[in-house]
Amino acid sequence: MRLNKAWFQELGIDNVKDFAPVSGGDINLAFKISTNDENYFLKVQPKNDETFFDHEIEGLNLINEVANAPKPIKSGTFERNGYLLMNYLEFGEGNQKDLGKMVAKMHEKHAPQFGLDHNIENAKNPKINTWQDNWSDFYINQRLNVLVEQIKKHGDWTVYRQSLMNRFQTKIREYYADHKVEPSLMHGDLWNGNVGFQADGTPILFDPDVFYGNREMDIAMTVLFGGFSQDFYDGYNEEYPLDEGWELRVPWYQTYYLLAHVNLFGENYGTSLESALQQSVDL
């Protein structure tokens, strides 16, 4: 698709002086639109409608209550395309310690239960967010087992992996029977590609997949692919200290993200998944 005058009228943007495609992720088209007074970032999901962006908008709004994320301006459907218009951000460098403190402040936003008010079932990695009082039930039944069923459809699940998963889930239930978790607002996809710094050094979070869960799950994602310095964890712990032994539980939550990657990309991540499961069982 191409932007034109009709698009700008739909978006409510006057006096456009320039526009160009920019990097916007794997599944959306993205554009920078400039006027004399303002720059905008437009995401477009072809052959879809505005509901495609509902979850992202909810996540951005929730995070913006306590931290910093792009600001949704307008969403809608135009010419059989869903779109989301946001403020455009200029990037710079910043302090990882400030980033850690901001993530901690996001996690300090709590809910009485685990979950969210809607499921995400139209994604390749579906999320069942039905509210639950018990973290073990939520994590096992509404995260781990959902992805196991998806992987089985591809034929990439094995008896060995199921044996490890059974033992792992028993360990989860036993541990959290004696360890209370307070549901935190989660980013949901906290890898280094979804964080950054604005031109003035302010940290910012992108592309959230929010729900209320165990904050150790977000932290485990930061460890999985790297890109976060020790300053990040120092800043986090200054604001909202992690529970003792969190480093040992990292494989428990990396297991989920590796299940997601096996579901999306196949056996390239199979060995890493089995390693995380084995570490989880051995703890």
Protein backbone atom coordinates (compact mmCIF):
# COMPACT_ATOMS: atom_id res chain seq x y z
CA MET A 1 0.00 0.00 0.00
CA ARG A 2 1.01 3.65 -0.46
CA LEU A 3 0.18 6.68 1.62
CA ASN A 4 -1.73 9.44 -0.14
CA LYS A 5 -3.95 12.44 0.53
CA ALA A 6 -6.91 10.22 1.41
CA TRP A 7 -4.83 8.52 4.08
CA PHE A 8 -3.77 11.84 5.59
CA GLN A 9 -7.40 12.96 5.69
CA GLU A 10 -8.32 9.74 7.48
CA LEU A 11 -5.53 10.29 10.00
CA GLY A 12 -6.47 13.93 10.53
CA ILE A 13 -2.98 15.17 9.59
CA ASP A 14 -2.74 18.44 7.68
CA ASN A 15 0.16 20.03 5.82
CA VAL A 16 2.21 16.89 5.36
CA LYS A 17 5.67 17.82 4.11
CA ASP A 18 7.28 14.38 4.01
CA PHE A 19 6.57 10.70 4.60
CA ALA A 20 8.60 7.53 4.19
CA PRO A 21 8.58 3.84 5.14
CA VAL A 22 10.54 2.93 8.27
CA SER A 23 11.31 -0.24 10.16
CA GLY A 24 8.23 -1.29 12.11
CA GLY A 25 8.58 -4.98 12.90
CA ASP A 26 7.94 -8.22 11.09
CA ILE A 27 4.19 -8.10 10.63
CA ASN A 28 3.30 -4.43 10.11
CA LEU A 29 4.04 -1.76 7.55
CA ALA A 30 5.35 1.39 9.20
CA PHE A 31 5.83 5.01 8.14
CA LYS A 32 7.21 8.29 9.45
CA ILE A 33 4.94 11.23 8.59
CA SER A 34 6.23 14.78 9.07
CA THR A 35 4.52 18.15 9.15
CA ASN A 36 6.02 21.53 9.97
CA ASP A 37 5.06 21.07 13.61
CA GLU A 38 4.99 17.34 14.37
CA ASN A 39 6.32 13.91 13.44
CA TYR A 40 4.10 10.82 13.56
CA PHE A 41 4.68 7.07 13.50
CA LEU A 42 2.06 5.03 11.62
CA LYS A 43 1.68 1.25 11.85
CA VAL A 44 -0.50 -0.47 9.24
CA GLN A 45 -1.73 -4.05 9.28
CA PRO A 46 -2.84 -4.85 5.70
CA LYS A 47 -6.09 -6.71 5.09
CA ASN A 48 -7.11 -6.42 8.72
CA ASP A 49 -9.05 -3.97 10.88
CA GLU A 50 -8.47 -1.71 13.86
CA THR A 51 -9.09 -4.51 16.38
CA PHE A 52 -5.67 -5.90 15.43
CA PHE A 53 -4.09 -3.08 17.49
CA ASP A 54 -6.49 -3.14 20.46
CA HIS A 55 -4.17 -5.17 22.68
CA GLU A 56 -1.14 -3.04 21.84
CA ILE A 57 -3.08 0.16 22.59
CA GLU A 58 -4.25 -1.23 25.92
CA GLY A 59 -0.68 -2.17 26.80
CA LEU A 60 0.75 1.21 25.85
CA ASN A 61 -1.91 3.00 27.89
CA LEU A 62 -1.34 0.79 30.95
CA ILE A 63 2.43 1.24 30.80
CA ASN A 64 2.10 4.99 30.32
CA GLU A 65 0.24 5.20 33.63
CA VAL A 66 3.43 4.29 35.49
CA ALA A 67 6.35 4.33 33.00
CA ASN A 68 7.10 5.53 29.47
CA ALA A 69 5.93 4.14 26.13
CA PRO A 70 4.82 5.56 22.77
CA LYS A 71 1.50 7.44 22.95
CA PRO A 72 -1.42 6.16 20.85
CA ILE A 73 -3.09 9.03 18.98
CA LYS A 74 -5.63 7.36 16.73
CA SER A 75 -6.54 3.90 15.44
CA GLY A 76 -9.01 2.76 12.84
CA THR A 77 -9.70 0.86 9.64
CA PHE A 78 -9.11 2.41 6.22
CA GLU A 79 -9.23 0.77 2.81
CA ARG A 80 -9.27 -2.67 4.46
CA ASN A 81 -6.19 -1.88 6.54
CA GLY A 82 -6.00 -1.58 10.30
CA TYR A 83 -3.80 1.23 11.53
CA LEU A 84 -2.35 2.77 14.68
CA LEU A 85 -1.01 6.33 14.73
CA MET A 86 1.46 7.32 17.46
CA ASN A 87 3.93 10.05 18.27
CA TYR A 88 7.28 9.66 16.51
CA LEU A 89 10.31 9.32 18.76
CA GLU A 90 13.86 10.43 18.17
CA PHE A 91 16.32 8.01 19.72
CA GLY A 92 19.49 8.57 21.68
CA GLU A 93 21.55 6.99 24.43
CA GLY A 94 20.70 6.56 28.06
CA ASN A 95 21.50 4.93 31.38
CA GLN A 96 20.65 1.26 31.85
CA LYS A 97 20.16 1.90 35.54
CA ASP A 98 17.34 4.32 34.71
CA LEU A 99 15.84 1.68 32.43
CA GLY A 100 15.94 -0.90 35.24
CA LYS A 101 14.21 1.49 37.63
CA MET A 102 11.50 2.21 35.08
CA VAL A 103 10.80 -1.49 34.47
CA ALA A 104 10.60 -1.96 38.24
CA LYS A 105 8.05 0.86 38.49
CA MET A 106 5.97 -0.87 35.82
CA HIS A 107 6.11 -4.08 37.88
CA GLU A 108 4.99 -2.17 40.96
CA LYS A 109 1.61 -1.70 39.28
CA HIS A 110 -0.39 -4.61 40.70
CA ALA A 111 -3.73 -6.31 40.19
CA PRO A 112 -5.66 -8.63 42.53
CA GLN A 113 -5.39 -11.59 40.12
CA PHE A 114 -3.19 -12.98 37.34
CA GLY A 115 -4.36 -12.44 33.77
CA LEU A 116 -6.12 -9.74 31.78
CA ASP A 117 -9.64 -8.92 30.69
CA HIS A 118 -9.31 -10.61 27.28
CA ASN A 119 -7.50 -13.46 25.57
CA ILE A 120 -5.13 -13.15 22.63
CA GLU A 121 -6.25 -15.98 20.37
CA ASN A 122 -5.51 -14.59 16.91
CA ALA A 123 -1.73 -14.70 17.40
CA LYS A 124 0.72 -17.45 16.45
CA ASN A 125 1.47 -17.76 20.18
CA PRO A 126 -2.01 -17.48 21.75
CA LYS A 127 -2.43 -16.28 25.34
CA ILE A 128 -5.32 -17.35 27.53
CA ASN A 129 -5.68 -14.57 30.08
CA THR A 130 -8.66 -15.71 32.15
CA TRP A 131 -8.24 -14.22 35.63
CA GLN A 132 -6.73 -16.63 38.17
CA ASP A 133 -5.87 -16.39 41.88
CA ASN A 134 -3.13 -19.02 41.65
CA TRP A 135 0.10 -18.31 39.74
CA SER A 136 0.91 -22.00 39.23
CA ASP A 137 -2.46 -22.66 37.60
CA PHE A 138 -2.13 -19.61 35.40
CA TYR A 139 1.42 -20.31 34.27
CA ILE A 140 0.96 -24.02 33.69
CA ASN A 141 -2.51 -24.08 32.14
CA GLN A 142 -2.65 -20.72 30.40
CA ARG A 143 0.92 -20.34 29.20
CA LEU A 144 2.97 -23.55 29.13
CA ASN A 145 0.31 -26.06 28.13
CA VAL A 146 -1.20 -23.73 25.53
CA LEU A 147 2.11 -23.66 23.66
CA VAL A 148 2.73 -27.38 24.11
CA GLU A 149 -0.56 -28.03 22.30
CA GLN A 150 0.48 -25.68 19.51
CA ILE A 151 3.85 -27.43 19.13
CA LYS A 152 2.16 -30.83 19.03
CA LYS A 153 0.26 -29.68 15.94
CA HIS A 154 3.61 -29.19 14.18
CA GLY A 155 4.87 -32.62 15.26
CA ASP A 156 7.77 -31.13 17.23
CA TRP A 157 6.82 -32.47 20.67
CA THR A 158 8.44 -35.64 22.03
CA VAL A 159 7.97 -38.14 24.84
CA TYR A 160 11.24 -36.90 26.36
CA ARG A 161 10.08 -33.30 26.38
CA GLN A 162 6.75 -34.28 27.91
CA SER A 163 8.54 -36.19 30.66
CA LEU A 164 10.63 -33.13 31.49
CA MET A 165 7.56 -30.89 31.32
CA ASN A 166 5.64 -33.12 33.76
CA ARG A 167 8.47 -32.97 36.28
CA PHE A 168 8.89 -29.23 35.77
CA GLN A 169 5.21 -28.52 36.38
CA THR A 170 5.28 -30.57 39.57
CA LYS A 171 8.22 -28.44 40.77
CA ILE A 172 6.34 -25.22 39.92
CA ARG A 173 3.29 -26.32 41.91
CA GLU A 174 5.37 -27.39 44.91
CA TYR A 175 7.41 -24.19 45.00
CA TYR A 176 4.55 -21.74 44.66
CA ALA A 177 2.45 -23.58 47.22
CA ASP A 178 4.77 -21.93 49.77
CA HIS A 179 5.81 -18.75 47.93
CA LYS A 180 3.28 -16.00 47.34
CA VAL A 181 3.44 -13.96 44.13
CA GLU A 182 1.80 -10.55 43.75
CA PRO A 183 0.52 -10.01 40.17
CA SER A 184 2.55 -7.30 38.41
CA LEU A 185 1.92 -5.45 35.18
CA MET A 186 4.11 -7.29 32.68
CA HIS A 187 5.60 -6.02 29.45
CA GLY A 188 5.31 -9.57 28.14
CA ASP A 189 8.08 -9.41 25.51
CA LEU A 190 10.93 -7.66 27.29
CA TRP A 191 13.91 -8.31 25.01
CA ASN A 192 16.45 -5.66 24.10
CA GLY A 193 14.72 -4.86 20.80
CA ASN A 194 11.69 -3.60 22.71
CA VAL A 195 13.50 -1.10 24.91
CA GLY A 196 15.41 2.06 24.09
CA PHE A 197 16.16 5.66 24.99
CA GLN A 198 14.76 8.89 23.67
CA ALA A 199 16.99 11.71 22.48
CA ASP A 200 17.02 13.22 25.99
CA GLY A 201 18.06 9.88 27.56
CA THR A 202 14.62 8.94 28.90
CA PRO A 203 14.12 5.14 28.77
CA ILE A 204 11.14 3.86 26.83
CA LEU A 205 9.38 0.52 26.25
CA PHE A 206 7.91 -0.67 22.94
CA ASP A 207 5.57 -3.32 21.54
CA PRO A 208 4.11 -4.61 24.82
CA ASP A 209 2.14 -7.84 25.21
CA VAL A 210 0.75 -7.00 28.62
CA PHE A 211 -0.92 -9.06 31.33
CA TYR A 212 -0.60 -9.28 35.11
CA GLY A 213 1.83 -12.02 36.10
CA ASN A 214 5.01 -12.97 37.92
CA ARG A 215 7.60 -10.27 37.29
CA GLU A 216 10.38 -12.87 37.24
CA MET A 217 9.02 -13.87 33.82
CA ASP A 218 9.87 -10.45 32.32
CA ILE A 219 13.29 -10.51 33.98
CA ALA A 220 14.02 -13.98 32.57
CA MET A 221 13.38 -12.64 29.08
CA THR A 222 15.99 -9.90 29.59
CA VAL A 223 18.54 -12.61 30.42
CA LEU A 224 17.60 -14.95 27.55
CA PHE A 225 18.89 -12.83 24.65
CA GLY A 226 21.10 -10.40 26.58
CA GLY A 227 21.60 -6.71 25.89
CA PHE A 228 20.96 -5.59 29.48
CA SER A 229 23.94 -4.58 31.60
CA GLN A 230 24.44 -5.15 35.32
CA ASP A 231 23.40 -1.53 35.79
CA PHE A 232 19.91 -2.50 34.61
CA TYR A 233 19.54 -5.11 37.36
CA ASP A 234 21.11 -2.83 39.97
CA GLY A 235 18.64 -0.09 39.12
CA TYR A 236 15.74 -2.54 39.16
CA ASN A 237 16.67 -3.88 42.58
CA GLU A 238 17.09 -0.40 44.02
CA GLU A 239 13.47 0.35 43.10
CA TYR A 240 11.81 -3.05 43.64
CA PRO A 241 14.14 -5.80 44.89
CA LEU A 242 13.71 -9.24 43.35
CA ASP A 243 13.06 -12.21 45.61
CA GLU A 244 15.99 -14.25 46.81
CA GLY A 245 17.07 -16.93 44.35
CA TRP A 246 15.52 -15.30 41.28
CA GLU A 247 18.62 -16.11 39.22
CA LEU A 248 18.06 -19.83 39.81
CA ARG A 249 14.47 -19.56 38.59
CA VAL A 250 15.39 -17.87 35.31
CA PRO A 251 15.17 -21.19 33.37
CA TRP A 252 11.61 -21.68 34.65
CA TYR A 253 10.49 -18.69 32.62
CA GLN A 254 12.92 -18.96 29.76
CA THR A 255 11.21 -22.30 29.16
CA TYR A 256 8.04 -20.44 28.17
CA TYR A 257 9.82 -18.11 25.74
CA LEU A 258 11.72 -21.02 24.20
CA LEU A 259 8.44 -22.91 23.76
CA ALA A 260 7.19 -19.82 21.92
CA HIS A 261 10.25 -19.84 19.67
CA VAL A 262 9.92 -23.56 18.90
CA ASN A 263 6.30 -22.92 18.00
CA LEU A 264 7.26 -20.02 15.71
CA PHE A 265 10.57 -21.22 14.26
CA GLY A 266 10.73 -24.98 14.82
CA GLU A 267 13.65 -27.13 15.88
CA ASN A 268 16.25 -24.37 15.69
CA TYR A 269 15.29 -23.75 19.33
CA GLY A 270 14.60 -27.37 20.32
CA THR A 271 17.94 -28.02 22.01
CA SER A 272 17.75 -24.76 23.98
CA LEU A 273 14.22 -25.66 25.12
CA GLU A 274 15.33 -29.05 26.39
CA SER A 275 18.30 -27.46 28.17
CA ALA A 276 16.04 -24.96 29.94
CA LEU A 277 13.62 -27.72 30.93
CA GLN A 278 16.45 -29.86 32.28
CA GLN A 279 17.86 -26.93 34.27
CA SER A 280 14.39 -26.26 35.66
CA VAL A 281 13.97 -29.84 36.78
CA ASP A 282 17.48 -30.04 38.29
CA LEU A 283 17.07 -26.88 40.42
